[in-house]
Amino acid sequence: MKKLKEKLLKATVKGFTLVEMLIVLLIISVLLLLFVPNLTKQKDSVTKTGNQAVVKVVESQKELYAVANPTAGEPSAETLANEGYITNEQLETYNKHVGQ
C-alpha cells in the first residue's frame, strides 16, 4: 500500500489552481487598463509633432523658393506642390493645420 501511495504522489502533477489563474488574469487586466490610455495619448502627441514638422518644412520650402526665384514673390503651398518642392501629402497636412 505504501508503494502505491508513493507512486500516486509521484504521478500527480502540480499545477495552478483556478484562484491563482484568476489572480494572474486580474493583474494583467489592471496593467492593460493602466497602459492602453497612455499609448493612445502618445499616439496623439506623435501625430501633433509630425504635423508641426510638416508645417515647418513647408515654410522653409517657401523661403527656399523665394531665394531661388526672387522675382516671383512669396509662393503659395499649391505652387510649391506644383513645382515639386513638397509632396501632395505635405500640402494636405499643411492646409489642414494652417487653415488655408
PDB file of N, CA and C in Angstrom:
ATOM      1  N   MET A   1       0.818  -1.189   0.000  1.00  0.00           N
ATOM      2  CA  MET A   1       0.000   0.000   0.000  1.00  0.00           C
ATOM      3  C   MET A   1       0.869   1.264   0.000  1.00  0.00           C
ATOM      4  N   LYS A   2       1.980   1.200   0.729  1.00  0.00           N
ATOM      5  CA  LYS A   2       2.885   2.326   0.796  1.00  0.00           C
ATOM      6  C   LYS A   2       3.461   2.637  -0.580  1.00  0.00           C
ATOM      7  N   LYS A   3       3.829   1.622  -1.317  1.00  0.00           N
ATOM      8  CA  LYS A   3       4.406   1.820  -2.642  1.00  0.00           C
ATOM      9  C   LYS A   3       3.373   2.428  -3.584  1.00  0.00           C
ATOM     10  N   LEU A   4       2.137   1.992  -3.485  1.00  0.00           N
ATOM     11  CA  LEU A   4       1.079   2.528  -4.341  1.00  0.00           C
ATOM     12  C   LEU A   4       0.843   4.005  -4.038  1.00  0.00           C
ATOM     13  N   LYS A   5       0.860   4.375  -2.763  1.00  0.00           N
ATOM     14  CA  LYS A   5       0.670   5.763  -2.375  1.00  0.00           C
ATOM     15  C   LYS A   5       1.818   6.634  -2.885  1.00  0.00           C
ATOM     16  N   GLU A   6       3.048   6.153  -2.744  1.00  0.00           N
ATOM     17  CA  GLU A   6       4.198   6.888  -3.242  1.00  0.00           C
ATOM     18  C   GLU A   6       4.133   7.031  -4.757  1.00  0.00           C
ATOM     19  N   LYS A   7       3.709   5.988  -5.423  1.00  0.00           N
ATOM     20  CA  LYS A   7       3.603   6.019  -6.883  1.00  0.00           C
ATOM     21  C   LYS A   7       2.549   7.032  -7.328  1.00  0.00           C
ATOM     22  N   LEU A   8       1.431   7.086  -6.627  1.00  0.00           N
ATOM     23  CA  LEU A   8       0.379   8.045  -6.956  1.00  0.00           C
ATOM     24  C   LEU A   8       0.836   9.479  -6.689  1.00  0.00           C
ATOM     25  N   LEU A   9       1.574   9.694  -5.605  1.00  0.00           N
ATOM     26  CA  LEU A   9       2.071  11.033  -5.297  1.00  0.00           C
ATOM     27  C   LEU A   9       3.066  11.508  -6.350  1.00  0.00           C
ATOM     28  N   LYS A  10       3.901  10.600  -6.848  1.00  0.00           N
ATOM     29  CA  LYS A  10       4.855  10.958  -7.885  1.00  0.00           C
ATOM     30  C   LYS A  10       4.148  11.225  -9.213  1.00  0.00           C
ATOM     31  N   ALA A  11       3.064  10.539  -9.482  1.00  0.00           N
ATOM     32  CA  ALA A  11       2.360  10.658 -10.754  1.00  0.00           C
ATOM     33  C   ALA A  11       1.548  11.940 -10.840  1.00  0.00           C
ATOM     34  N   THR A  12       1.158  12.473  -9.719  1.00  0.00           N
ATOM     35  CA  THR A  12       0.363  13.697  -9.778  1.00  0.00           C
ATOM     36  C   THR A  12       1.259  14.875 -10.138  1.00  0.00           C
ATOM     37  N   VAL A  13       0.754  15.707 -11.015  1.00  0.00           N
ATOM     38  CA  VAL A  13       1.485  16.883 -11.454  1.00  0.00           C
ATOM     39  C   VAL A  13       0.865  18.091 -10.782  1.00  0.00           C
ATOM     40  N   LYS A  14       1.717  18.885 -10.152  1.00  0.00           N
ATOM     41  CA  LYS A  14       1.195  20.080  -9.505  1.00  0.00           C
ATOM     42  C   LYS A  14       0.984  21.147 -10.565  1.00  0.00           C
ATOM     43  N   GLY A  15      -0.120  21.837 -10.469  1.00  0.00           N
ATOM     44  CA  GLY A  15      -0.441  22.892 -11.412  1.00  0.00           C
ATOM     45  C   GLY A  15      -1.030  24.077 -10.681  1.00  0.00           C
ATOM     46  N   PHE A  16      -1.452  25.039 -11.462  1.00  0.00           N
ATOM     47  CA  PHE A  16      -2.061  26.224 -10.882  1.00  0.00           C
ATOM     48  C   PHE A  16      -3.521  25.948 -10.557  1.00  0.00           C
ATOM     49  N   THR A  17      -3.979  26.526  -9.474  1.00  0.00           N
ATOM     50  CA  THR A  17      -5.383  26.396  -9.133  1.00  0.00           C
ATOM     51  C   THR A  17      -6.172  27.461  -9.888  1.00  0.00           C
ATOM     52  N   LEU A  18      -7.455  27.325  -9.888  1.00  0.00           N
ATOM     53  CA  LEU A  18      -8.317  28.279 -10.577  1.00  0.00           C
ATOM     54  C   LEU A  18      -8.178  29.673  -9.965  1.00  0.00           C
ATOM     55  N   VAL A  19      -8.052  29.752  -8.674  1.00  0.00           N
ATOM     56  CA  VAL A  19      -7.918  31.039  -7.996  1.00  0.00           C
ATOM     57  C   VAL A  19      -6.612  31.714  -8.422  1.00  0.00           C
ATOM     58  N   GLU A  20      -5.537  30.969  -8.496  1.00  0.00           N
ATOM     59  CA  GLU A  20      -4.267  31.543  -8.918  1.00  0.00           C
ATOM     60  C   GLU A  20      -4.341  32.072 -10.348  1.00  0.00           C
ATOM     61  N   MET A  21      -4.987  31.339 -11.210  1.00  0.00           N
ATOM     62  CA  MET A  21      -5.141  31.777 -12.603  1.00  0.00           C
ATOM     63  C   MET A  21      -5.991  33.048 -12.679  1.00  0.00           C
ATOM     64  N   LEU A  22      -7.046  33.127 -11.882  1.00  0.00           N
ATOM     65  CA  LEU A  22      -7.892  34.319 -11.875  1.00  0.00           C
ATOM     66  C   LEU A  22      -7.124  35.535 -11.357  1.00  0.00           C
ATOM     67  N   ILE A  23      -6.270  35.337 -10.380  1.00  0.00           N
ATOM     68  CA  ILE A  23      -5.467  36.445  -9.853  1.00  0.00           C
ATOM     69  C   ILE A  23      -4.502  36.950 -10.922  1.00  0.00           C
ATOM     70  N   VAL A  24      -3.880  36.042 -11.654  1.00  0.00           N
ATOM     71  CA  VAL A  24      -2.968  36.442 -12.726  1.00  0.00           C
ATOM     72  C   VAL A  24      -3.723  37.208 -13.805  1.00  0.00           C
ATOM     73  N   LEU A  25      -4.892  36.739 -14.196  1.00  0.00           N
ATOM     74  CA  LEU A  25      -5.695  37.439 -15.198  1.00  0.00           C
ATOM     75  C   LEU A  25      -6.124  38.814 -14.704  1.00  0.00           C
ATOM     76  N   LEU A  26      -6.446  38.920 -13.429  1.00  0.00           N
ATOM     77  CA  LEU A  26      -6.818  40.212 -12.860  1.00  0.00           C
ATOM     78  C   LEU A  26      -5.643  41.196 -12.915  1.00  0.00           C
ATOM     79  N   ILE A  27      -4.459  40.730 -12.587  1.00  0.00           N
ATOM     80  CA  ILE A  27      -3.276  41.597 -12.623  1.00  0.00           C
ATOM     81  C   ILE A  27      -2.992  42.055 -14.050  1.00  0.00           C
ATOM     82  N   ILE A  28      -3.078  41.145 -15.000  1.00  0.00           N
ATOM     83  CA  ILE A  28      -2.854  41.509 -16.407  1.00  0.00           C
ATOM     84  C   ILE A  28      -3.892  42.522 -16.876  1.00  0.00           C
ATOM     85  N   SER A  29      -5.131  42.338 -16.483  1.00  0.00           N
ATOM     86  CA  SER A  29      -6.195  43.271 -16.871  1.00  0.00           C
ATOM     87  C   SER A  29      -5.948  44.663 -16.300  1.00  0.00           C
ATOM     88  N   VAL A  30      -5.532  44.732 -15.065  1.00  0.00           N
ATOM     89  CA  VAL A  30      -5.255  46.030 -14.441  1.00  0.00           C
ATOM     90  C   VAL A  30      -4.092  46.722 -15.155  1.00  0.00           C
ATOM     91  N   LEU A  31      -3.056  45.973 -15.484  1.00  0.00           N
ATOM     92  CA  LEU A  31      -1.923  46.562 -16.204  1.00  0.00           C
ATOM     93  C   LEU A  31      -2.345  47.087 -17.572  1.00  0.00           C
ATOM     94  N   LEU A  32      -3.193  46.348 -18.269  1.00  0.00           N
ATOM     95  CA  LEU A  32      -3.690  46.820 -19.568  1.00  0.00           C
ATOM     96  C   LEU A  32      -4.513  48.092 -19.418  1.00  0.00           C
ATOM     97  N   LEU A  33      -5.322  48.154 -18.378  1.00  0.00           N
ATOM     98  CA  LEU A  33      -6.115  49.364 -18.147  1.00  0.00           C
ATOM     99  C   LEU A  33      -5.241  50.573 -17.852  1.00  0.00           C
ATOM    100  N   LEU A  34      -4.082  50.337 -17.273  1.00  0.00           N
ATOM    101  CA  LEU A  34      -3.180  51.448 -16.981  1.00  0.00           C
ATOM    102  C   LEU A  34      -2.394  51.906 -18.207  1.00  0.00           C
ATOM    103  N   PHE A  35      -1.994  50.979 -19.068  1.00  0.00           N
ATOM    104  CA  PHE A  35      -1.096  51.317 -20.161  1.00  0.00           C
ATOM    105  C   PHE A  35      -1.778  51.692 -21.464  1.00  0.00           C
ATOM    106  N   VAL A  36      -2.931  51.157 -21.775  1.00  0.00           N
ATOM    107  CA  VAL A  36      -3.579  51.444 -23.060  1.00  0.00           C
ATOM    108  C   VAL A  36      -3.930  52.923 -23.211  1.00  0.00           C
ATOM    109  N   PRO A  37      -4.515  53.595 -22.220  1.00  0.00           N
ATOM    110  CA  PRO A  37      -4.781  55.034 -22.396  1.00  0.00           C
ATOM    111  C   PRO A  37      -3.510  55.850 -22.617  1.00  0.00           C
ATOM    112  N   ASN A  38      -2.422  55.472 -21.964  1.00  0.00           N
ATOM    113  CA  ASN A  38      -1.165  56.198 -22.154  1.00  0.00           C
ATOM    114  C   ASN A  38      -0.648  56.041 -23.569  1.00  0.00           C
ATOM    115  N   LEU A  39      -0.832  54.877 -24.153  1.00  0.00           N
ATOM    116  CA  LEU A  39      -0.368  54.654 -25.525  1.00  0.00           C
ATOM    117  C   LEU A  39      -1.152  55.504 -26.512  1.00  0.00           C
ATOM    118  N   THR A  40      -2.455  55.664 -26.306  1.00  0.00           N
ATOM    119  CA  THR A  40      -3.239  56.487 -27.227  1.00  0.00           C
ATOM    120  C   THR A  40      -2.865  57.960 -27.089  1.00  0.00           C
ATOM    121  N   LYS A  41      -2.538  58.401 -25.864  1.00  0.00           N
ATOM    122  CA  LYS A  41      -2.098  59.780 -25.680  1.00  0.00           C
ATOM    123  C   LYS A  41      -0.778  60.020 -26.397  1.00  0.00           C
ATOM    124  N   GLN A  42       0.112  59.045 -26.345  1.00  0.00           N
ATOM    125  CA  GLN A  42       1.397  59.180 -27.021  1.00  0.00           C
ATOM    126  C   GLN A  42       1.207  59.215 -28.536  1.00  0.00           C
ATOM    127  N   LYS A  43       0.258  58.450 -29.045  1.00  0.00           N
ATOM    128  CA  LYS A  43      -0.002  58.457 -30.485  1.00  0.00           C
ATOM    129  C   LYS A  43      -0.485  59.837 -30.929  1.00  0.00           C
ATOM    130  N   ASP A  44      -1.369  60.430 -30.153  1.00  0.00           N
ATOM    131  CA  ASP A  44      -1.844  61.781 -30.471  1.00  0.00           C
ATOM    132  C   ASP A  44      -0.702  62.789 -30.429  1.00  0.00           C
ATOM    133  N   SER A  45       0.168  62.634 -29.450  1.00  0.00           N
ATOM    134  CA  SER A  45       1.313  63.541 -29.325  1.00  0.00           C
ATOM    135  C   SER A  45       2.253  63.408 -30.517  1.00  0.00           C
ATOM    136  N   VAL A  46       2.492  62.182 -30.963  1.00  0.00           N
ATOM    137  CA  VAL A  46       3.370  61.952 -32.111  1.00  0.00           C
ATOM    138  C   VAL A  46       2.753  62.540 -33.374  1.00  0.00           C
ATOM    139  N   THR A  47       1.449  62.376 -33.551  1.00  0.00           N
ATOM    140  CA  THR A  47       0.777  62.934 -34.717  1.00  0.00           C
ATOM    141  C   THR A  47       0.864  64.455 -34.717  1.00  0.00           C
ATOM    142  N   LYS A  48       0.647  65.062 -33.568  1.00  0.00           N
ATOM    143  CA  LYS A  48       0.723  66.523 -33.465  1.00  0.00           C
ATOM    144  C   LYS A  48       2.129  67.014 -33.793  1.00  0.00           C
ATOM    145  N   THR A  49       3.143  66.342 -33.266  1.00  0.00           N
ATOM    146  CA  THR A  49       4.528  66.730 -33.531  1.00  0.00           C
ATOM    147  C   THR A  49       4.866  66.569 -35.009  1.00  0.00           C
ATOM    148  N   GLY A  50       4.385  65.494 -35.612  1.00  0.00           N
ATOM    149  CA  GLY A  50       4.616  65.283 -37.046  1.00  0.00           C
ATOM    150  C   GLY A  50       3.973  66.360 -37.890  1.00  0.00           C
ATOM    151  N   ASN A  51       2.774  66.760 -37.539  1.00  0.00           N
ATOM    152  CA  ASN A  51       2.094  67.818 -38.288  1.00  0.00           C
ATOM    153  C   ASN A  51       2.816  69.155 -38.142  1.00  0.00           C
ATOM    154  N   GLN A  52       3.325  69.430 -36.958  1.00  0.00           N
ATOM    155  CA  GLN A  52       4.094  70.657 -36.765  1.00  0.00           C
ATOM    156  C   GLN A  52       5.371  70.635 -37.602  1.00  0.00           C
ATOM    157  N   ALA A  53       5.970  69.461 -37.730  1.00  0.00           N
ATOM    158  CA  ALA A  53       7.180  69.337 -38.546  1.00  0.00           C
ATOM    159  C   ALA A  53       6.874  69.590 -40.014  1.00  0.00           C
ATOM    160  N   VAL A  54       5.726  69.114 -40.488  1.00  0.00           N
ATOM    161  CA  VAL A  54       5.344  69.339 -41.889  1.00  0.00           C
ATOM    162  C   VAL A  54       5.141  70.829 -42.144  1.00  0.00           C
ATOM    163  N   VAL A  55       4.523  71.521 -41.205  1.00  0.00           N
ATOM    164  CA  VAL A  55       4.319  72.966 -41.358  1.00  0.00           C
ATOM    165  C   VAL A  55       5.669  73.673 -41.452  1.00  0.00           C
ATOM    166  N   LYS A  56       6.622  73.280 -40.619  1.00  0.00           N
ATOM    167  CA  LYS A  56       7.949  73.898 -40.669  1.00  0.00           C
ATOM    168  C   LYS A  56       8.651  73.600 -41.992  1.00  0.00           C
ATOM    169  N   VAL A  57       8.481  72.381 -42.499  1.00  0.00           N
ATOM    170  CA  VAL A  57       9.104  72.022 -43.784  1.00  0.00           C
ATOM    171  C   VAL A  57       8.534  72.877 -44.903  1.00  0.00           C
ATOM    172  N   VAL A  58       7.225  73.045 -44.922  1.00  0.00           N
ATOM    173  CA  VAL A  58       6.595  73.846 -45.978  1.00  0.00           C
ATOM    174  C   VAL A  58       7.048  75.299 -45.888  1.00  0.00           C
ATOM    175  N   GLU A  59       7.124  75.821 -44.683  1.00  0.00           N
ATOM    176  CA  GLU A  59       7.576  77.209 -44.530  1.00  0.00           C
ATOM    177  C   GLU A  59       9.029  77.382 -44.970  1.00  0.00           C
ATOM    178  N   SER A  60       9.870  76.403 -44.663  1.00  0.00           N
ATOM    179  CA  SER A  60      11.268  76.511 -45.111  1.00  0.00           C
ATOM    180  C   SER A  60      11.369  76.344 -46.622  1.00  0.00           C
ATOM    181  N   GLN A  61      10.506  75.535 -47.216  1.00  0.00           N
ATOM    182  CA  GLN A  61      10.495  75.388 -48.673  1.00  0.00           C
ATOM    183  C   GLN A  61      10.021  76.681 -49.343  1.00  0.00           C
ATOM    184  N   LYS A  62       9.121  77.397 -48.674  1.00  0.00           N
ATOM    185  CA  LYS A  62       8.705  78.704 -49.198  1.00  0.00           C
ATOM    186  C   LYS A  62       9.891  79.666 -49.246  1.00  0.00           C
ATOM    187  N   GLU A  63      10.691  79.644 -48.186  1.00  0.00           N
ATOM    188  CA  GLU A  63      11.868  80.510 -48.157  1.00  0.00           C
ATOM    189  C   GLU A  63      12.866  80.117 -49.246  1.00  0.00           C
ATOM    190  N   LEU A  64      13.079  78.812 -49.427  1.00  0.00           N
ATOM    191  CA  LEU A  64      14.000  78.356 -50.472  1.00  0.00           C
ATOM    192  C   LEU A  64      13.499  78.747 -51.858  1.00  0.00           C
ATOM    193  N   TYR A  65      12.193  78.644 -52.059  1.00  0.00           N
ATOM    194  CA  TYR A  65      11.615  79.030 -53.345  1.00  0.00           C
ATOM    195  C   TYR A  65      11.811  80.526 -53.589  1.00  0.00           C
ATOM    196  N   ALA A  66      11.621  81.309 -52.536  1.00  0.00           N
ATOM    197  CA  ALA A  66      11.792  82.758 -52.665  1.00  0.00           C
ATOM    198  C   ALA A  66      13.244  83.117 -52.977  1.00  0.00           C
ATOM    199  N   VAL A  67      14.188  82.366 -52.430  1.00  0.00           N
ATOM    200  CA  VAL A  67      15.598  82.614 -52.717  1.00  0.00           C
ATOM    201  C   VAL A  67      15.924  82.208 -54.156  1.00  0.00           C
ATOM    202  N   ALA A  68      15.367  81.100 -54.597  1.00  0.00           N
ATOM    203  CA  ALA A  68      15.644  80.619 -55.954  1.00  0.00           C
ATOM    204  C   ALA A  68      14.950  81.469 -57.019  1.00  0.00           C
ATOM    205  N   ASN A  69      13.798  82.031 -56.678  1.00  0.00           N
ATOM    206  CA  ASN A  69      13.026  82.841 -57.620  1.00  0.00           C
ATOM    207  C   ASN A  69      12.719  84.197 -56.971  1.00  0.00           C
ATOM    208  N   PRO A  70      13.662  85.093 -56.944  1.00  0.00           N
ATOM    209  CA  PRO A  70      13.455  86.353 -56.211  1.00  0.00           C
ATOM    210  C   PRO A  70      12.374  87.250 -56.813  1.00  0.00           C
ATOM    211  N   THR A  71      12.103  87.133 -58.095  1.00  0.00           N
ATOM    212  CA  THR A  71      11.098  87.995 -58.718  1.00  0.00           C
ATOM    213  C   THR A  71       9.685  87.450 -58.557  1.00  0.00           C
ATOM    214  N   ALA A  72       9.554  86.210 -58.150  1.00  0.00           N
ATOM    215  CA  ALA A  72       8.232  85.579 -58.059  1.00  0.00           C
ATOM    216  C   ALA A  72       7.469  85.971 -56.803  1.00  0.00           C
ATOM    217  N   GLY A  73       8.155  86.447 -55.788  1.00  0.00           N
ATOM    218  CA  GLY A  73       7.475  86.774 -54.534  1.00  0.00           C
ATOM    219  C   GLY A  73       7.288  85.532 -53.684  1.00  0.00           C
ATOM    220  N   GLU A  74       6.442  85.652 -52.648  1.00  0.00           N
ATOM    221  CA  GLU A  74       6.218  84.507 -51.765  1.00  0.00           C
ATOM    222  C   GLU A  74       5.229  83.540 -52.413  1.00  0.00           C
ATOM    223  N   PRO A  75       5.601  82.277 -52.552  1.00  0.00           N
ATOM    224  CA  PRO A  75       4.716  81.321 -53.215  1.00  0.00           C
ATOM    225  C   PRO A  75       3.654  80.783 -52.265  1.00  0.00           C
ATOM    226  N   SER A  76       2.591  80.255 -52.841  1.00  0.00           N
ATOM    227  CA  SER A  76       1.589  79.568 -52.037  1.00  0.00           C
ATOM    228  C   SER A  76       2.020  78.106 -51.885  1.00  0.00           C
ATOM    229  N   ALA A  77       1.371  77.407 -51.009  1.00  0.00           N
ATOM    230  CA  ALA A  77       1.694  75.999 -50.806  1.00  0.00           C
ATOM    231  C   ALA A  77       1.366  75.184 -52.059  1.00  0.00           C
ATOM    232  N   GLU A  78       0.322  75.587 -52.766  1.00  0.00           N
ATOM    233  CA  GLU A  78      -0.045  74.890 -54.003  1.00  0.00           C
ATOM    234  C   GLU A  78       1.047  75.052 -55.066  1.00  0.00           C
ATOM    235  N   THR A  79       1.639  76.238 -55.116  1.00  0.00           N
ATOM    236  CA  THR A  79       2.736  76.474 -56.055  1.00  0.00           C
ATOM    237  C   THR A  79       3.919  75.573 -55.722  1.00  0.00           C
ATOM    238  N   LEU A  80       4.215  75.433 -54.453  1.00  0.00           N
ATOM    239  CA  LEU A  80       5.315  74.564 -54.045  1.00  0.00           C
ATOM    240  C   LEU A  80       5.054  73.117 -54.449  1.00  0.00           C
ATOM    241  N   ALA A  81       3.809  72.680 -54.298  1.00  0.00           N
ATOM    242  CA  ALA A  81       3.473  71.304 -54.677  1.00  0.00           C
ATOM    243  C   ALA A  81       3.583  71.129 -56.191  1.00  0.00           C
ATOM    244  N   ASN A  82       3.134  72.116 -56.942  1.00  0.00           N
ATOM    245  CA  ASN A  82       3.211  72.024 -58.400  1.00  0.00           C
ATOM    246  C   ASN A  82       4.649  72.039 -58.894  1.00  0.00           C
ATOM    247  N   GLU A  83       5.518  72.776 -58.207  1.00  0.00           N
ATOM    248  CA  GLU A  83       6.925  72.884 -58.599  1.00  0.00           C
ATOM    249  C   GLU A  83       7.761  71.716 -58.082  1.00  0.00           C
ATOM    250  N   GLY A  84       7.199  70.883 -57.219  1.00  0.00           N
ATOM    251  CA  GLY A  84       7.916  69.719 -56.704  1.00  0.00           C
ATOM    252  C   GLY A  84       8.716  69.969 -55.444  1.00  0.00           C
ATOM    253  N   TYR A  85       8.494  71.099 -54.802  1.00  0.00           N
ATOM    254  CA  TYR A  85       9.204  71.392 -53.561  1.00  0.00           C
ATOM    255  C   TYR A  85       8.652  70.582 -52.391  1.00  0.00           C
ATOM    256  N   ILE A  86       7.348  70.295 -52.415  1.00  0.00           N
ATOM    257  CA  ILE A  86       6.717  69.484 -51.376  1.00  0.00           C
ATOM    258  C   ILE A  86       5.816  68.458 -52.050  1.00  0.00           C
ATOM    259  N   THR A  87       5.465  67.418 -51.308  1.00  0.00           N
ATOM    260  CA  THR A  87       4.571  66.386 -51.839  1.00  0.00           C
ATOM    261  C   THR A  87       3.115  66.800 -51.624  1.00  0.00           C
ATOM    262  N   ASN A  88       2.223  66.088 -52.281  1.00  0.00           N
ATOM    263  CA  ASN A  88       0.791  66.366 -52.110  1.00  0.00           C
ATOM    264  C   ASN A  88       0.332  66.042 -50.684  1.00  0.00           C
ATOM    265  N   GLU A  89       0.921  65.023 -50.073  1.00  0.00           N
ATOM    266  CA  GLU A  89       0.569  64.696 -48.685  1.00  0.00           C
ATOM    267  C   GLU A  89       0.968  65.834 -47.749  1.00  0.00           C
ATOM    268  N   GLN A  90       2.151  66.395 -47.987  1.00  0.00           N
ATOM    269  CA  GLN A  90       2.579  67.533 -47.168  1.00  0.00           C
ATOM    270  C   GLN A  90       1.658  68.725 -47.396  1.00  0.00           C
ATOM    271  N   LEU A  91       1.230  68.927 -48.627  1.00  0.00           N
ATOM    272  CA  LEU A  91       0.306  70.023 -48.929  1.00  0.00           C
ATOM    273  C   LEU A  91      -1.006  69.858 -48.178  1.00  0.00           C
ATOM    274  N   GLU A  92      -1.566  68.637 -48.183  1.00  0.00           N
ATOM    275  CA  GLU A  92      -2.827  68.385 -47.486  1.00  0.00           C
ATOM    276  C   GLU A  92      -2.676  68.612 -45.978  1.00  0.00           C
ATOM    277  N   THR A  93      -1.585  68.096 -45.410  1.00  0.00           N
ATOM    278  CA  THR A  93      -1.357  68.279 -43.986  1.00  0.00           C
ATOM    279  C   THR A  93      -1.178  69.745 -43.635  1.00  0.00           C
ATOM    280  N   TYR A  94      -0.440  70.441 -44.460  1.00  0.00           N
ATOM    281  CA  TYR A  94      -0.212  71.878 -44.235  1.00  0.00           C
ATOM    282  C   TYR A  94      -1.521  72.649 -44.294  1.00  0.00           C
ATOM    283  N   ASN A  95      -2.347  72.359 -45.285  1.00  0.00           N
ATOM    284  CA  ASN A  95      -3.624  73.067 -45.418  1.00  0.00           C
ATOM    285  C   ASN A  95      -4.568  72.781 -44.259  1.00  0.00           C
ATOM    286  N   LYS A  96      -4.530  71.562 -43.736  1.00  0.00           N
ATOM    287  CA  LYS A  96      -5.393  71.208 -42.603  1.00  0.00           C
ATOM    288  C   LYS A  96      -4.990  71.945 -41.331  1.00  0.00           C
ATOM    289  N   HIS A  97      -3.671  72.147 -41.154  1.00  0.00           N
ATOM    290  CA  HIS A  97      -3.201  72.662 -39.874  1.00  0.00           C
ATOM    291  C   HIS A  97      -2.923  74.150 -39.884  1.00  0.00           C
ATOM    292  N   VAL A  98      -2.823  74.737 -41.049  1.00  0.00           N
ATOM    293  CA  VAL A  98      -2.602  76.166 -41.098  1.00  0.00           C
ATOM    294  C   VAL A  98      -3.933  76.879 -41.318  1.00  0.00           C
ATOM    295  N   GLY A  99      -4.874  76.179 -41.937  1.00  0.00           N
ATOM    296  CA  GLY A  99      -6.211  76.746 -42.133  1.00  0.00           C
ATOM    297  C   GLY A  99      -6.380  77.493 -43.419  1.00  0.00           C
ATOM    298  N   GLN A 100      -5.673  77.096 -44.450  1.00  0.00           N
ATOM    299  CA  GLN A 100      -5.827  77.766 -45.741  1.00  0.00           C
ATOM    300  C   GLN A 100      -6.908  77.093 -46.546  1.00  0.00           C
TER     301      GLN A 100
END
